[in-house]
Protein backbone atom coordinates (compact mmCIF):
# COMPACT_ATOMS: atom_id res chain seq x y z
CA MET A 1 -0.28 -0.12 0.01
CA LYS A 2 3.08 2.61 0.65
CA THR A 3 4.29 1.92 -2.75
CA ALA A 4 0.96 2.97 -4.35
CA SER A 5 0.86 5.80 -1.74
CA LYS A 6 4.57 6.92 -2.80
CA GLU A 7 3.35 6.52 -6.69
CA LEU A 8 0.29 9.10 -6.60
CA GLN A 9 2.65 11.22 -4.56
CA LYS A 10 4.82 11.05 -7.40
CA LEU A 11 1.93 11.16 -10.35
CA ARG A 12 0.68 14.40 -8.57
CA SER A 13 3.93 15.82 -8.05
CA MET A 14 4.34 15.73 -11.80
CA ALA A 15 0.66 16.95 -13.00
CA GLU A 16 1.69 20.21 -10.60
CA ARG A 17 5.22 20.82 -12.85
CA SER A 18 3.16 20.30 -15.97
CA LEU A 19 0.27 23.01 -15.05
CA ASP A 20 2.99 25.20 -13.77
CA LYS A 21 4.90 24.74 -17.67
CA THR A 22 1.40 25.41 -18.99
CA ALA A 23 0.73 28.19 -17.21
CA GLU A 24 3.97 29.40 -17.73
CA LEU A 25 3.84 28.89 -21.65
CA GLN A 26 0.63 30.49 -21.99
CA GLN A 27 2.00 33.71 -19.91
CA VAL A 28 4.75 33.86 -23.05
CA LEU A 29 2.48 33.42 -25.72
CA ALA A 30 0.38 36.54 -24.03
CA GLN A 31 3.05 38.75 -24.37
CA ILE A 32 4.53 37.56 -27.87
CA GLU A 33 1.21 38.77 -28.80
CA ALA A 34 0.69 41.49 -27.42
CA THR A 35 4.40 42.19 -28.70
CA LEU A 36 3.62 41.89 -32.47
CA SER A 37 -0.22 43.92 -31.61
CA ARG A 38 2.13 46.80 -30.31
CA ALA A 39 4.38 46.49 -33.59
CA GLU A 40 1.70 46.24 -35.91
CA LEU A 41 -0.27 49.36 -33.97
CA GLU A 42 3.09 51.32 -34.47
CA LYS A 43 3.41 50.40 -38.02
CA VAL A 44 -0.24 51.66 -38.53
CA SER A 45 0.00 54.89 -36.82
CA GLN A 46 3.13 55.77 -38.86
CA LYS A 47 1.61 55.27 -41.79
CA ILE A 48 -1.37 57.56 -40.52
CA ASN A 49 1.19 60.05 -40.21
CA SER A 50 3.29 59.94 -42.87
CA LYS A 51 -0.25 60.79 -44.95
């Protein structure tokens, strides 16, 4: 029975680390998207201002 308990703890720990990585990945993707949006907005602003 102890072995099953240890295995469950190990699996739970792995799942928690996986969730942390998923949250980190989502944060990085959001930052990339924000950077691209700002770059696009700046391009549009430059086109408008150059007219």
